[in-house]
Amino acid sequence: MNPEHKETMNPDHTKNNEFYTNCIEYFEFLRKKGTMDYDFEDEYYFTMPAISNH
């Protein structure tokens, strides 16, 4: 499938990918810093299944 058509078929897909990418970058930042953000991690694992089921 042409990548340009994926966004047309499911406009939420782009937002979901952006959310996922931003979260991964944040987790990587925390890992390199040696810090944890348990509140954010809880929200991430609660939210991810909800946006992945579209």
Protein backbone atom coordinates (compact mmCIF):
# COMPACT_ATOMS: atom_id res chain seq x y z
CA MET A 1 0.00 0.00 0.00
CA ASN A 2 1.19 3.47 -0.84
CA PRO A 3 2.24 5.27 2.41
CA GLU A 4 0.39 8.41 1.31
CA HIS A 5 -2.89 6.50 1.32
CA LYS A 6 -2.47 5.16 4.85
CA GLU A 7 -3.08 8.60 6.37
CA THR A 8 -6.10 9.16 4.13
CA MET A 9 -7.67 5.88 5.22
CA ASN A 10 -7.11 6.49 8.93
CA PRO A 11 -6.28 10.08 9.91
CA ASP A 12 -5.88 9.07 13.58
CA HIS A 13 -3.02 6.79 12.59
CA THR A 14 -0.67 9.76 12.20
CA LYS A 15 -1.53 11.09 15.66
CA ASN A 16 -1.04 7.64 17.17
CA ASN A 17 2.37 7.27 15.55
CA GLU A 18 3.36 10.74 16.75
CA PHE A 19 2.25 9.92 20.30
CA TYR A 20 4.14 6.62 20.26
CA THR A 21 7.31 8.22 18.85
CA ASN A 22 7.23 11.05 21.39
CA CYS A 23 6.79 8.59 24.25
CA ILE A 24 9.66 6.42 23.08
CA GLU A 25 11.91 9.49 22.83
CA TYR A 26 10.90 10.55 26.34
CA PHE A 27 11.56 7.08 27.77
CA GLU A 28 14.96 7.03 26.05
CA PHE A 29 15.76 10.47 27.50
CA LEU A 30 14.83 9.25 31.00
CA ARG A 31 16.86 6.05 30.57
CA LYS A 32 19.98 7.98 29.54
CA LYS A 33 19.48 10.32 32.48
CA GLY A 34 18.97 7.42 34.89
CA THR A 35 15.57 8.73 35.98
CA MET A 36 12.06 7.27 36.10
CA ASP A 37 8.72 9.00 35.63
CA TYR A 38 6.30 6.47 37.09
CA ASP A 39 3.24 8.69 36.68
CA PHE A 40 3.90 9.15 32.98
CA GLU A 41 4.74 5.47 32.54
CA ASP A 42 1.42 4.49 34.14
CA GLU A 43 -0.48 6.83 31.82
CA TYR A 44 1.45 5.56 28.80
CA TYR A 45 0.65 1.91 29.47
CA PHE A 46 -2.99 2.82 30.17
CA THR A 47 -3.36 4.95 27.00
CA MET A 48 -1.36 2.90 24.48
CA PRO A 49 -3.86 0.02 24.14
CA ALA A 50 -6.72 2.48 23.69
CA ILE A 51 -5.09 4.30 20.78
CA SER A 52 -3.72 1.10 19.25
CA ASN A 53 -7.19 -0.40 18.76
CA HIS A 54 -8.28 2.07 16.07
